PDB file of N, CA and C in Angstrom:
ATOM      1  N   UNK A   1     177.694  89.268 301.649  1.00  0.00           N
ATOM      2  CA  UNK A   1     176.900  90.125 302.510  1.00  0.00           C
ATOM      3  C   UNK A   1     175.525  90.312 301.878  1.00  0.00           C
ATOM      4  N   UNK A   2     174.495  90.005 302.633  1.00  0.00           N
ATOM      5  CA  UNK A   2     173.130  90.161 302.143  1.00  0.00           C
ATOM      6  C   UNK A   2     172.593  91.517 302.580  1.00  0.00           C
ATOM      7  N   UNK A   3     172.317  92.357 301.580  1.00  0.00           N
ATOM      8  CA  UNK A   3     171.769  93.688 301.826  1.00  0.00           C
ATOM      9  C   UNK A   3     170.334  93.693 301.328  1.00  0.00           C
ATOM     10  N   UNK A   4     169.403  94.002 302.224  1.00  0.00           N
ATOM     11  CA  UNK A   4     167.993  94.054 301.864  1.00  0.00           C
ATOM     12  C   UNK A   4     167.546  95.509 301.865  1.00  0.00           C
ATOM     13  N   UNK A   5     166.957  95.927 300.750  1.00  0.00           N
ATOM     14  CA  UNK A   5     166.393  97.261 300.625  1.00  0.00           C
ATOM     15  C   UNK A   5     164.898  97.135 300.812  1.00  0.00           C
ATOM     16  N   UNK A   6     164.364  97.965 301.671  1.00  0.00           N
ATOM     17  CA  UNK A   6     162.974  97.843 302.063  1.00  0.00           C
ATOM     18  C   UNK A   6     162.249  99.160 301.780  1.00  0.00           C
ATOM     19  N   UNK A   7     161.084  99.045 301.115  1.00  0.00           N
ATOM     20  CA  UNK A   7     160.331 100.259 300.793  1.00  0.00           C
ATOM     21  C   UNK A   7     158.842  99.954 300.823  1.00  0.00           C
ATOM     22  N   UNK A   8     158.062 100.849 300.256  1.00  0.00           N
ATOM     23  CA  UNK A   8     156.614 100.670 300.250  1.00  0.00           C
ATOM     24  C   UNK A   8     156.191  99.675 299.170  1.00  0.00           C
ATOM     25  N   UNK A   9     156.668  99.872 297.929  1.00  0.00           N
ATOM     26  CA  UNK A   9     156.226  99.018 296.837  1.00  0.00           C
ATOM     27  C   UNK A   9     157.321  98.195 296.211  1.00  0.00           C
ATOM     28  N   UNK A  10     158.390  98.849 295.778  1.00  0.00           N
ATOM     29  CA  UNK A  10     159.485  98.081 295.212  1.00  0.00           C
ATOM     30  C   UNK A  10     160.131  98.658 293.966  1.00  0.00           C
ATOM     31  N   UNK A  11     159.405  99.441 293.167  1.00  0.00           N
ATOM     32  CA  UNK A  11     159.962  99.873 291.888  1.00  0.00           C
ATOM     33  C   UNK A  11     161.163 100.797 292.054  1.00  0.00           C
ATOM     34  N   UNK A  12     160.999 101.881 292.799  1.00  0.00           N
ATOM     35  CA  UNK A  12     162.115 102.827 292.947  1.00  0.00           C
ATOM     36  C   UNK A  12     163.261 102.200 293.735  1.00  0.00           C
ATOM     37  N   UNK A  13     162.951 101.330 294.662  1.00  0.00           N
ATOM     38  CA  UNK A  13     164.001 100.682 295.435  1.00  0.00           C
ATOM     39  C   UNK A  13     164.808  99.729 294.562  1.00  0.00           C
ATOM     40  N   UNK A  14     164.171  99.113 293.585  1.00  0.00           N
ATOM     41  CA  UNK A  14     164.900  98.265 292.637  1.00  0.00           C
ATOM     42  C   UNK A  14     165.888  99.121 291.846  1.00  0.00           C
ATOM     43  N   UNK A  15     165.490 100.337 291.492  1.00  0.00           N
ATOM     44  CA  UNK A  15     166.408 101.236 290.782  1.00  0.00           C
ATOM     45  C   UNK A  15     167.603 101.585 291.674  1.00  0.00           C
ATOM     46  N   UNK A  16     167.347 101.847 292.943  1.00  0.00           N
ATOM     47  CA  UNK A  16     168.439 102.146 293.876  1.00  0.00           C
ATOM     48  C   UNK A  16     169.335 100.917 294.044  1.00  0.00           C
ATOM     49  N   UNK A  17     168.744  99.750 294.132  1.00  0.00           N
ATOM     50  CA  UNK A  17     169.511  98.510 294.260  1.00  0.00           C
ATOM     51  C   UNK A  17     170.430  98.328 293.043  1.00  0.00           C
ATOM     52  N   UNK A  18     169.916  98.597 291.857  1.00  0.00           N
ATOM     53  CA  UNK A  18     170.732  98.487 290.645  1.00  0.00           C
ATOM     54  C   UNK A  18     171.893  99.478 290.676  1.00  0.00           C
ATOM     55  N   UNK A  19     171.662 100.666 291.212  1.00  0.00           N
ATOM     56  CA  UNK A  19     172.723 101.662 291.349  1.00  0.00           C
ATOM     57  C   UNK A  19     173.793 101.179 292.334  1.00  0.00           C
ATOM     58  N   UNK A  20     173.348 100.528 293.415  1.00  0.00           N
ATOM     59  CA  UNK A  20     174.295  99.979 294.394  1.00  0.00           C
ATOM     60  C   UNK A  20     175.114  98.855 293.766  1.00  0.00           C
ATOM     61  N   UNK A  21     174.466  97.984 292.987  1.00  0.00           N
ATOM     62  CA  UNK A  21     175.180  96.896 292.304  1.00  0.00           C
ATOM     63  C   UNK A  21     176.239  97.465 291.367  1.00  0.00           C
ATOM     64  N   UNK A  22     175.875  98.525 290.633  1.00  0.00           N
ATOM     65  CA  UNK A  22     176.823  99.150 289.709  1.00  0.00           C
ATOM     66  C   UNK A  22     178.017  99.711 290.465  1.00  0.00           C
ATOM     67  N   UNK A  23     177.768 100.304 291.621  1.00  0.00           N
ATOM     68  CA  UNK A  23     178.847 100.837 292.457  1.00  0.00           C
ATOM     69  C   UNK A  23     179.824  99.728 292.831  1.00  0.00           C
ATOM     70  N   UNK A  24     179.288  98.579 293.231  1.00  0.00           N
ATOM     71  CA  UNK A  24     180.143  97.452 293.619  1.00  0.00           C
ATOM     72  C   UNK A  24     180.915  96.937 292.407  1.00  0.00           C
ATOM     73  N   UNK A  25     180.229  96.773 291.272  1.00  0.00           N
ATOM     74  CA  UNK A  25     180.884  96.269 290.062  1.00  0.00           C
ATOM     75  C   UNK A  25     182.011  97.188 289.607  1.00  0.00           C
ATOM     76  N   UNK A  26     181.804  98.506 289.741  1.00  0.00           N
ATOM     77  CA  UNK A  26     182.793  99.492 289.288  1.00  0.00           C
ATOM     78  C   UNK A  26     183.913  99.711 290.297  1.00  0.00           C
ATOM     79  N   UNK A  27     183.772  99.147 291.489  1.00  0.00           N
ATOM     80  CA  UNK A  27     184.757  99.359 292.552  1.00  0.00           C
ATOM     81  C   UNK A  27     185.986  98.470 292.366  1.00  0.00           C
ATOM     82  N   UNK A  28     187.137  99.036 292.678  1.00  0.00           N
ATOM     83  CA  UNK A  28     188.377  98.249 292.646  1.00  0.00           C
ATOM     84  C   UNK A  28     188.523  97.419 293.923  1.00  0.00           C
ATOM     85  N   UNK A  29     187.843  97.814 294.998  1.00  0.00           N
ATOM     86  CA  UNK A  29     188.004  97.155 296.294  1.00  0.00           C
ATOM     87  C   UNK A  29     186.926  96.124 296.604  1.00  0.00           C
ATOM     88  N   UNK A  30     185.737  96.298 296.031  1.00  0.00           N
ATOM     89  CA  UNK A  30     184.615  95.407 296.342  1.00  0.00           C
ATOM     90  C   UNK A  30     184.415  94.387 295.228  1.00  0.00           C
ATOM     91  N   UNK A  31     183.963  93.193 295.612  1.00  0.00           N
ATOM     92  CA  UNK A  31     183.720  92.115 294.652  1.00  0.00           C
ATOM     93  C   UNK A  31     182.225  91.812 294.636  1.00  0.00           C
ATOM     94  N   UNK A  32     181.613  91.893 293.474  1.00  0.00           N
ATOM     95  CA  UNK A  32     180.170  91.683 293.364  1.00  0.00           C
ATOM     96  C   UNK A  32     179.746  90.308 293.882  1.00  0.00           C
ATOM     97  N   UNK A  33     180.626  89.327 293.789  1.00  0.00           N
ATOM     98  CA  UNK A  33     180.292  87.981 294.268  1.00  0.00           C
ATOM     99  C   UNK A  33     180.154  87.911 295.790  1.00  0.00           C
ATOM    100  N   UNK A  34     180.639  88.939 296.486  1.00  0.00           N
ATOM    101  CA  UNK A  34     180.541  88.982 297.947  1.00  0.00           C
ATOM    102  C   UNK A  34     179.218  89.569 298.425  1.00  0.00           C
ATOM    103  N   UNK A  35     178.371  90.012 297.490  1.00  0.00           N
ATOM    104  CA  UNK A  35     177.142  90.706 297.858  1.00  0.00           C
ATOM    105  C   UNK A  35     175.915  90.053 297.246  1.00  0.00           C
ATOM    106  N   UNK A  36     174.846  90.094 298.029  1.00  0.00           N
ATOM    107  CA  UNK A  36     173.536  89.668 297.551  1.00  0.00           C
ATOM    108  C   UNK A  36     172.576  90.805 297.882  1.00  0.00           C
ATOM    109  N   UNK A  37     171.890  91.306 296.876  1.00  0.00           N
ATOM    110  CA  UNK A  37     170.953  92.413 297.067  1.00  0.00           C
ATOM    111  C   UNK A  37     169.530  91.916 296.842  1.00  0.00           C
ATOM    112  N   UNK A  38     168.625  92.380 297.699  1.00  0.00           N
ATOM    113  CA  UNK A  38     167.210  92.054 297.563  1.00  0.00           C
ATOM    114  C   UNK A  38     166.406  93.316 297.857  1.00  0.00           C
ATOM    115  N   UNK A  39     165.412  93.598 297.017  1.00  0.00           N
ATOM    116  CA  UNK A  39     164.507  94.721 297.261  1.00  0.00           C
ATOM    117  C   UNK A  39     163.120  94.160 297.534  1.00  0.00           C
ATOM    118  N   UNK A  40     162.552  94.579 298.662  1.00  0.00           N
ATOM    119  CA  UNK A  40     161.252  94.036 299.074  1.00  0.00           C
ATOM    120  C   UNK A  40     160.353  95.139 299.630  1.00  0.00           C
ATOM    121  N   UNK A  41     159.038  94.925 299.564  1.00  0.00           N
ATOM    122  CA  UNK A  41     158.139  95.827 300.297  1.00  0.00           C
ATOM    123  C   UNK A  41     158.228  95.505 301.790  1.00  0.00           C
ATOM    124  N   UNK A  42     157.970  96.474 302.619  1.00  0.00           N
ATOM    125  CA  UNK A  42     158.115  96.311 304.065  1.00  0.00           C
ATOM    126  C   UNK A  42     157.273  95.152 304.594  1.00  0.00           C
ATOM    127  N   UNK A  43     156.170  94.858 303.937  1.00  0.00           N
ATOM    128  CA  UNK A  43     155.297  93.774 304.394  1.00  0.00           C
ATOM    129  C   UNK A  43     155.965  92.404 304.325  1.00  0.00           C
ATOM    130  N   UNK A  44     157.017  92.261 303.515  1.00  0.00           N
ATOM    131  CA  UNK A  44     157.710  90.976 303.385  1.00  0.00           C
ATOM    132  C   UNK A  44     158.967  90.887 304.243  1.00  0.00           C
ATOM    133  N   UNK A  45     159.216  91.894 305.062  1.00  0.00           N
ATOM    134  CA  UNK A  45     160.446  91.944 305.843  1.00  0.00           C
ATOM    135  C   UNK A  45     160.652  90.694 306.702  1.00  0.00           C
ATOM    136  N   UNK A  46     159.618  90.248 307.366  1.00  0.00           N
ATOM    137  CA  UNK A  46     159.729  89.082 308.245  1.00  0.00           C
ATOM    138  C   UNK A  46     160.271  87.857 307.497  1.00  0.00           C
ATOM    139  N   UNK A  47     159.879  87.693 306.242  1.00  0.00           N
ATOM    140  CA  UNK A  47     160.299  86.508 305.481  1.00  0.00           C
ATOM    141  C   UNK A  47     161.735  86.622 304.968  1.00  0.00           C
ATOM    142  N   UNK A  48     162.326  87.816 304.995  1.00  0.00           N
ATOM    143  CA  UNK A  48     163.688  88.011 304.484  1.00  0.00           C
ATOM    144  C   UNK A  48     164.724  88.216 305.583  1.00  0.00           C
ATOM    145  N   UNK A  49     164.312  88.215 306.838  1.00  0.00           N
ATOM    146  CA  UNK A  49     165.200  88.606 307.933  1.00  0.00           C
ATOM    147  C   UNK A  49     166.329  87.588 308.168  1.00  0.00           C
ATOM    148  N   UNK A  50     166.074  86.326 307.891  1.00  0.00           N
ATOM    149  CA  UNK A  50     167.103  85.294 308.084  1.00  0.00           C
ATOM    150  C   UNK A  50     168.298  85.558 307.175  1.00  0.00           C
ATOM    151  N   UNK A  51     169.478  85.622 307.749  1.00  0.00           N
ATOM    152  CA  UNK A  51     170.692  85.781 306.958  1.00  0.00           C
ATOM    153  C   UNK A  51     170.970  87.184 306.468  1.00  0.00           C
ATOM    154  N   UNK A  52     170.124  88.120 306.823  1.00  0.00           N
ATOM    155  CA  UNK A  52     170.314  89.507 306.399  1.00  0.00           C
ATOM    156  C   UNK A  52     171.488  90.124 307.167  1.00  0.00           C
ATOM    157  N   UNK A  53     172.338  90.855 306.459  1.00  0.00           N
ATOM    158  CA  UNK A  53     173.476  91.520 307.103  1.00  0.00           C
ATOM    159  C   UNK A  53     173.220  92.999 307.364  1.00  0.00           C
ATOM    160  N   UNK A  54     172.471  93.638 306.481  1.00  0.00           N
ATOM    161  CA  UNK A  54     172.145  95.062 306.631  1.00  0.00           C
ATOM    162  C   UNK A  54     170.773  95.306 306.010  1.00  0.00           C
ATOM    163  N   UNK A  55     169.995  96.154 306.666  1.00  0.00           N
ATOM    164  CA  UNK A  55     168.705  96.576 306.123  1.00  0.00           C
ATOM    165  C   UNK A  55     168.808  98.035 305.709  1.00  0.00           C
ATOM    166  N   UNK A  56     168.430  98.316 304.472  1.00  0.00           N
ATOM    167  CA  UNK A  56     168.394  99.680 303.960  1.00  0.00           C
ATOM    168  C   UNK A  56     166.919 100.067 303.847  1.00  0.00           C
ATOM    169  N   UNK A  57     166.546 101.127 304.544  1.00  0.00           N
ATOM    170  CA  UNK A  57     165.147 101.553 304.624  1.00  0.00           C
ATOM    171  C   UNK A  57     164.956 102.814 303.783  1.00  0.00           C
ATOM    172  N   UNK A  58     164.005 102.745 302.856  1.00  0.00           N
ATOM    173  CA  UNK A  58     163.689 103.906 302.023  1.00  0.00           C
ATOM    174  C   UNK A  58     162.997 104.987 302.833  1.00  0.00           C
ATOM    175  N   UNK A  59     163.173 106.240 302.427  1.00  0.00           N
ATOM    176  CA  UNK A  59     162.598 107.353 303.200  1.00  0.00           C
ATOM    177  C   UNK A  59     161.075 107.310 303.280  1.00  0.00           C
ATOM    178  N   UNK A  60     160.424 106.691 302.288  1.00  0.00           N
ATOM    179  CA  UNK A  60     158.963 106.656 302.282  1.00  0.00           C
ATOM    180  C   UNK A  60     158.384 105.741 303.356  1.00  0.00           C
ATOM    181  N   UNK A  61     159.226 104.904 303.985  1.00  0.00           N
ATOM    182  CA  UNK A  61     158.719 104.052 305.074  1.00  0.00           C
ATOM    183  C   UNK A  61     159.476 104.296 306.385  1.00  0.00           C
ATOM    184  N   UNK A  62     160.229 105.379 306.455  1.00  0.00           N
ATOM    185  CA  UNK A  62     160.969 105.694 307.683  1.00  0.00           C
ATOM    186  C   UNK A  62     160.027 105.773 308.887  1.00  0.00           C
ATOM    187  N   UNK A  63     158.809 106.188 308.649  1.00  0.00           N
ATOM    188  CA  UNK A  63     157.826 106.295 309.740  1.00  0.00           C
ATOM    189  C   UNK A  63     157.421 104.922 310.294  1.00  0.00           C
ATOM    190  N   UNK A  64     157.796 103.846 309.606  1.00  0.00           N
ATOM    191  CA  UNK A  64     157.439 102.495 310.063  1.00  0.00           C
ATOM    192  C   UNK A  64     158.537 101.860 310.903  1.00  0.00           C
ATOM    193  N   UNK A  65     159.481 102.635 311.387  1.00  0.00           N
ATOM    194  CA  UNK A  65     160.607 102.095 312.138  1.00  0.00           C
ATOM    195  C   UNK A  65     160.138 101.327 313.385  1.00  0.00           C
ATOM    196  N   UNK A  66     159.035 101.755 313.988  1.00  0.00           N
ATOM    197  CA  UNK A  66     158.505 101.047 315.163  1.00  0.00           C
ATOM    198  C   UNK A  66     157.961  99.670 314.794  1.00  0.00           C
ATOM    199  N   UNK A  67     157.586  99.479 313.546  1.00  0.00           N
ATOM    200  CA  UNK A  67     157.157  98.167 313.046  1.00  0.00           C
ATOM    201  C   UNK A  67     158.379  97.324 312.681  1.00  0.00           C
ATOM    202  N   UNK A  68     159.412  97.974 312.133  1.00  0.00           N
ATOM    203  CA  UNK A  68     160.597  97.286 311.613  1.00  0.00           C
ATOM    204  C   UNK A  68     161.525  96.788 312.729  1.00  0.00           C
ATOM    205  N   UNK A  69     161.798  97.629 313.719  1.00  0.00           N
ATOM    206  CA  UNK A  69     162.798  97.291 314.747  1.00  0.00           C
ATOM    207  C   UNK A  69     162.506  95.979 315.487  1.00  0.00           C
ATOM    208  N   UNK A  70     161.264  95.698 315.889  1.00  0.00           N
ATOM    209  CA  UNK A  70     161.027  94.417 316.572  1.00  0.00           C
ATOM    210  C   UNK A  70     161.316  93.190 315.695  1.00  0.00           C
ATOM    211  N   UNK A  71     161.293  93.374 314.381  1.00  0.00           N
ATOM    212  CA  UNK A  71     161.585  92.260 313.468  1.00  0.00           C
ATOM    213  C   UNK A  71     163.092  92.038 313.360  1.00  0.00           C
ATOM    214  N   UNK A  72     163.869  93.120 313.267  1.00  0.00           N
ATOM    215  CA  UNK A  72     165.310  92.971 313.025  1.00  0.00           C
ATOM    216  C   UNK A  72     166.147  92.930 314.302  1.00  0.00           C
ATOM    217  N   UNK A  73     165.669  93.533 315.373  1.00  0.00           N
ATOM    218  CA  UNK A  73     166.472  93.604 316.607  1.00  0.00           C
ATOM    219  C   UNK A  73     166.876  92.239 317.181  1.00  0.00           C
ATOM    220  N   UNK A  74     165.986  91.231 317.187  1.00  0.00           N
ATOM    221  CA  UNK A  74     166.414  89.931 317.732  1.00  0.00           C
ATOM    222  C   UNK A  74     167.587  89.310 316.957  1.00  0.00           C
ATOM    223  N   UNK A  75     167.753  89.734 315.707  1.00  0.00           N
ATOM    224  CA  UNK A  75     168.833  89.210 314.866  1.00  0.00           C
ATOM    225  C   UNK A  75     170.060  90.132 314.871  1.00  0.00           C
ATOM    226  N   UNK A  76     169.956  91.242 315.589  1.00  0.00           N
ATOM    227  CA  UNK A  76     171.040  92.231 315.677  1.00  0.00           C
ATOM    228  C   UNK A  76     171.447  92.743 314.295  1.00  0.00           C
ATOM    229  N   UNK A  77     170.458  93.024 313.483  1.00  0.00           N
ATOM    230  CA  UNK A  77     170.707  93.502 312.117  1.00  0.00           C
ATOM    231  C   UNK A  77     170.790  95.027 312.127  1.00  0.00           C
ATOM    232  N   UNK A  78     171.926  95.565 311.670  1.00  0.00           N
ATOM    233  CA  UNK A  78     172.020  97.018 311.581  1.00  0.00           C
ATOM    234  C   UNK A  78     171.159  97.528 310.421  1.00  0.00           C
ATOM    235  N   UNK A  79     170.732  98.779 310.533  1.00  0.00           N
ATOM    236  CA  UNK A  79     169.912  99.359 309.467  1.00  0.00           C
ATOM    237  C   UNK A  79     170.342 100.795 309.215  1.00  0.00           C
ATOM    238  N   UNK A  80     170.021 101.256 308.027  1.00  0.00           N
ATOM    239  CA  UNK A  80     170.211 102.661 307.677  1.00  0.00           C
ATOM    240  C   UNK A  80     168.919 103.147 307.050  1.00  0.00           C
ATOM    241  N   UNK A  81     168.588 104.399 307.341  1.00  0.00           N
ATOM    242  CA  UNK A  81     167.439 105.036 306.704  1.00  0.00           C
ATOM    243  C   UNK A  81     168.006 106.032 305.697  1.00  0.00           C
ATOM    244  N   UNK A  82     167.669 105.826 304.439  1.00  0.00           N
ATOM    245  CA  UNK A  82     168.174 106.692 303.376  1.00  0.00           C
ATOM    246  C   UNK A  82     167.383 107.995 303.385  1.00  0.00           C
ATOM    247  N   UNK A  83     168.097 109.113 303.368  1.00  0.00           N
ATOM    248  CA  UNK A  83     167.405 110.404 303.325  1.00  0.00           C
ATOM    249  C   UNK A  83     166.816 110.616 301.931  1.00  0.00           C
ATOM    250  N   UNK A  84     165.805 111.480 301.857  1.00  0.00           N
ATOM    251  CA  UNK A  84     165.066 111.621 300.603  1.00  0.00           C
ATOM    252  C   UNK A  84     165.907 112.195 299.469  1.00  0.00           C
ATOM    253  N   UNK A  85     166.897 113.031 299.777  1.00  0.00           N
ATOM    254  CA  UNK A  85     167.746 113.590 298.720  1.00  0.00           C
ATOM    255  C   UNK A  85     168.631 112.515 298.092  1.00  0.00           C
ATOM    256  N   UNK A  86     169.267 111.704 298.936  1.00  0.00           N
ATOM    257  CA  UNK A  86     170.113 110.609 298.438  1.00  0.00           C
ATOM    258  C   UNK A  86     169.266 109.620 297.655  1.00  0.00           C
ATOM    259  N   UNK A  87     168.082 109.325 298.173  1.00  0.00           N
ATOM    260  CA  UNK A  87     167.167 108.399 297.511  1.00  0.00           C
ATOM    261  C   UNK A  87     166.712 108.970 296.171  1.00  0.00           C
ATOM    262  N   UNK A  88     166.362 110.236 296.176  1.00  0.00           N
ATOM    263  CA  UNK A  88     165.884 110.888 294.955  1.00  0.00           C
ATOM    264  C   UNK A  88     166.928 110.890 293.847  1.00  0.00           C
ATOM    265  N   UNK A  89     168.186 110.988 294.222  1.00  0.00           N
ATOM    266  CA  UNK A  89     169.278 110.974 293.242  1.00  0.00           C
ATOM    267  C   UNK A  89     169.657 109.554 292.833  1.00  0.00           C
ATOM    268  N   UNK A  90     169.060 108.546 293.526  1.00  0.00           N
ATOM    269  CA  UNK A  90     169.422 107.142 293.294  1.00  0.00           C
ATOM    270  C   UNK A  90     170.938 106.975 293.444  1.00  0.00           C
ATOM    271  N   UNK A  91     171.465 107.573 294.515  1.00  0.00           N
ATOM    272  CA  UNK A  91     172.899 107.590 294.781  1.00  0.00           C
ATOM    273  C   UNK A  91     173.336 106.285 295.450  1.00  0.00           C
ATOM    274  N   UNK A  92     173.534 105.269 294.624  1.00  0.00           N
ATOM    275  CA  UNK A  92     173.899 103.947 295.125  1.00  0.00           C
ATOM    276  C   UNK A  92     175.225 103.931 295.859  1.00  0.00           C
ATOM    277  N   UNK A  93     176.170 104.779 295.443  1.00  0.00           N
ATOM    278  CA  UNK A  93     177.485 104.812 296.093  1.00  0.00           C
ATOM    279  C   UNK A  93     177.358 105.256 297.547  1.00  0.00           C
ATOM    280  N   UNK A  94     176.581 106.302 297.787  1.00  0.00           N
ATOM    281  CA  UNK A  94     176.394 106.791 299.153  1.00  0.00           C
ATOM    282  C   UNK A  94     175.663 105.765 300.004  1.00  0.00           C
ATOM    283  N   UNK A  95     174.628 105.155 299.457  1.00  0.00           N
ATOM    284  CA  UNK A  95     173.857 104.161 300.212  1.00  0.00           C
ATOM    285  C   UNK A  95     174.724 102.936 300.504  1.00  0.00           C
ATOM    286  N   UNK A  96     175.534 102.536 299.533  1.00  0.00           N
ATOM    287  CA  UNK A  96     176.438 101.388 299.743  1.00  0.00           C
ATOM    288  C   UNK A  96     177.408 101.696 300.879  1.00  0.00           C
ATOM    289  N   UNK A  97     177.945 102.903 300.882  1.00  0.00           N
ATOM    290  CA  UNK A  97     178.872 103.310 301.943  1.00  0.00           C
ATOM    291  C   UNK A  97     178.165 103.292 303.300  1.00  0.00           C
ATOM    292  N   UNK A  98     176.930 103.800 303.346  1.00  0.00           N
ATOM    293  CA  UNK A  98     176.155 103.807 304.593  1.00  0.00           C
ATOM    294  C   UNK A  98     175.940 102.374 305.098  1.00  0.00           C
ATOM    295  N   UNK A  99     175.611 101.472 304.185  1.00  0.00           N
ATOM    296  CA  UNK A  99     175.341 100.079 304.557  1.00  0.00           C
ATOM    297  C   UNK A  99     176.606  99.399 305.088  1.00  0.00           C
ATOM    298  N   UNK A 100     177.731  99.620 304.411  1.00  0.00           N
ATOM    299  CA  UNK A 100     178.993  99.008 304.849  1.00  0.00           C
ATOM    300  C   UNK A 100     179.429  99.545 306.212  1.00  0.00           C
ATOM    301  N   UNK A 101     179.250 100.832 306.438  1.00  0.00           N
ATOM    302  CA  UNK A 101     179.606 101.435 307.733  1.00  0.00           C
ATOM    303  C   UNK A 101     178.712 100.870 308.838  1.00  0.00           C
ATOM    304  N   UNK A 102     177.419 100.745 308.566  1.00  0.00           N
ATOM    305  CA  UNK A 102     176.490 100.200 309.571  1.00  0.00           C
ATOM    306  C   UNK A 102     176.884  98.775 309.945  1.00  0.00           C
ATOM    307  N   UNK A 103     177.262  97.954 308.957  1.00  0.00           N
ATOM    308  CA  UNK A 103     177.663  96.573 309.229  1.00  0.00           C
ATOM    309  C   UNK A 103     178.953  96.543 310.030  1.00  0.00           C
ATOM    310  N   UNK A 104     179.901  97.400 309.659  1.00  0.00           N
ATOM    311  CA  UNK A 104     181.192  97.437 310.352  1.00  0.00           C
ATOM    312  C   UNK A 104     181.006  97.853 311.817  1.00  0.00           C
ATOM    313  N   UNK A 105     180.173  98.863 312.060  1.00  0.00           N
ATOM    314  CA  UNK A 105     179.893  99.302 313.440  1.00  0.00           C
ATOM    315  C   UNK A 105     179.267  98.176 314.242  1.00  0.00           C
ATOM    316  N   UNK A 106     178.335  97.462 313.625  1.00  0.00           N
ATOM    317  CA  UNK A 106     177.664  96.356 314.325  1.00  0.00           C
ATOM    318  C   UNK A 106     178.677  95.251 314.658  1.00  0.00           C
ATOM    319  N   UNK A 107     179.583  94.975 313.736  1.00  0.00           N
ATOM    320  CA  UNK A 107     180.599  93.943 313.976  1.00  0.00           C
ATOM    321  C   UNK A 107     181.543  94.361 315.097  1.00  0.00           C
ATOM    322  N   UNK A 108     181.847  95.633 315.196  1.00  0.00           N
ATOM    323  CA  UNK A 108     182.767  96.120 316.238  1.00  0.00           C
ATOM    324  C   UNK A 108     182.126  96.056 317.619  1.00  0.00           C
ATOM    325  N   UNK A 109     180.796  96.077 317.675  1.00  0.00           N
ATOM    326  CA  UNK A 109     180.096  96.051 318.971  1.00  0.00           C
ATOM    327  C   UNK A 109     179.928  94.625 319.505  1.00  0.00           C
ATOM    328  N   UNK A 110     180.264  93.635 318.709  1.00  0.00           N
ATOM    329  CA  UNK A 110     180.080  92.239 319.133  1.00  0.00           C
ATOM    330  C   UNK A 110     181.096  91.857 320.186  1.00  0.00           C
TER     331      UNK A 110
END
């Protein structure tokens, strides 16, 4: 599963991505080999959309949803917007759960 984290610059999102990777590695149910994580600035979203399974949007770019949706909607890519408290805590477990639920909901709608 390819999970792309999208933000303004990249540094804090890389920290969140590392927290998500740790959550997967520490999980008894999830296998790290089943996941690919990428952190990108929103300006590179178009180049990463191919093969993306879930988009995780940082709170600092939530206002850009009108720019983001036309890029991901043709591919039927589910997305989650991380709230600032979860993001501030770098709570990778919660974000991972949000991403998995979004993908599962999208799969059920097919």
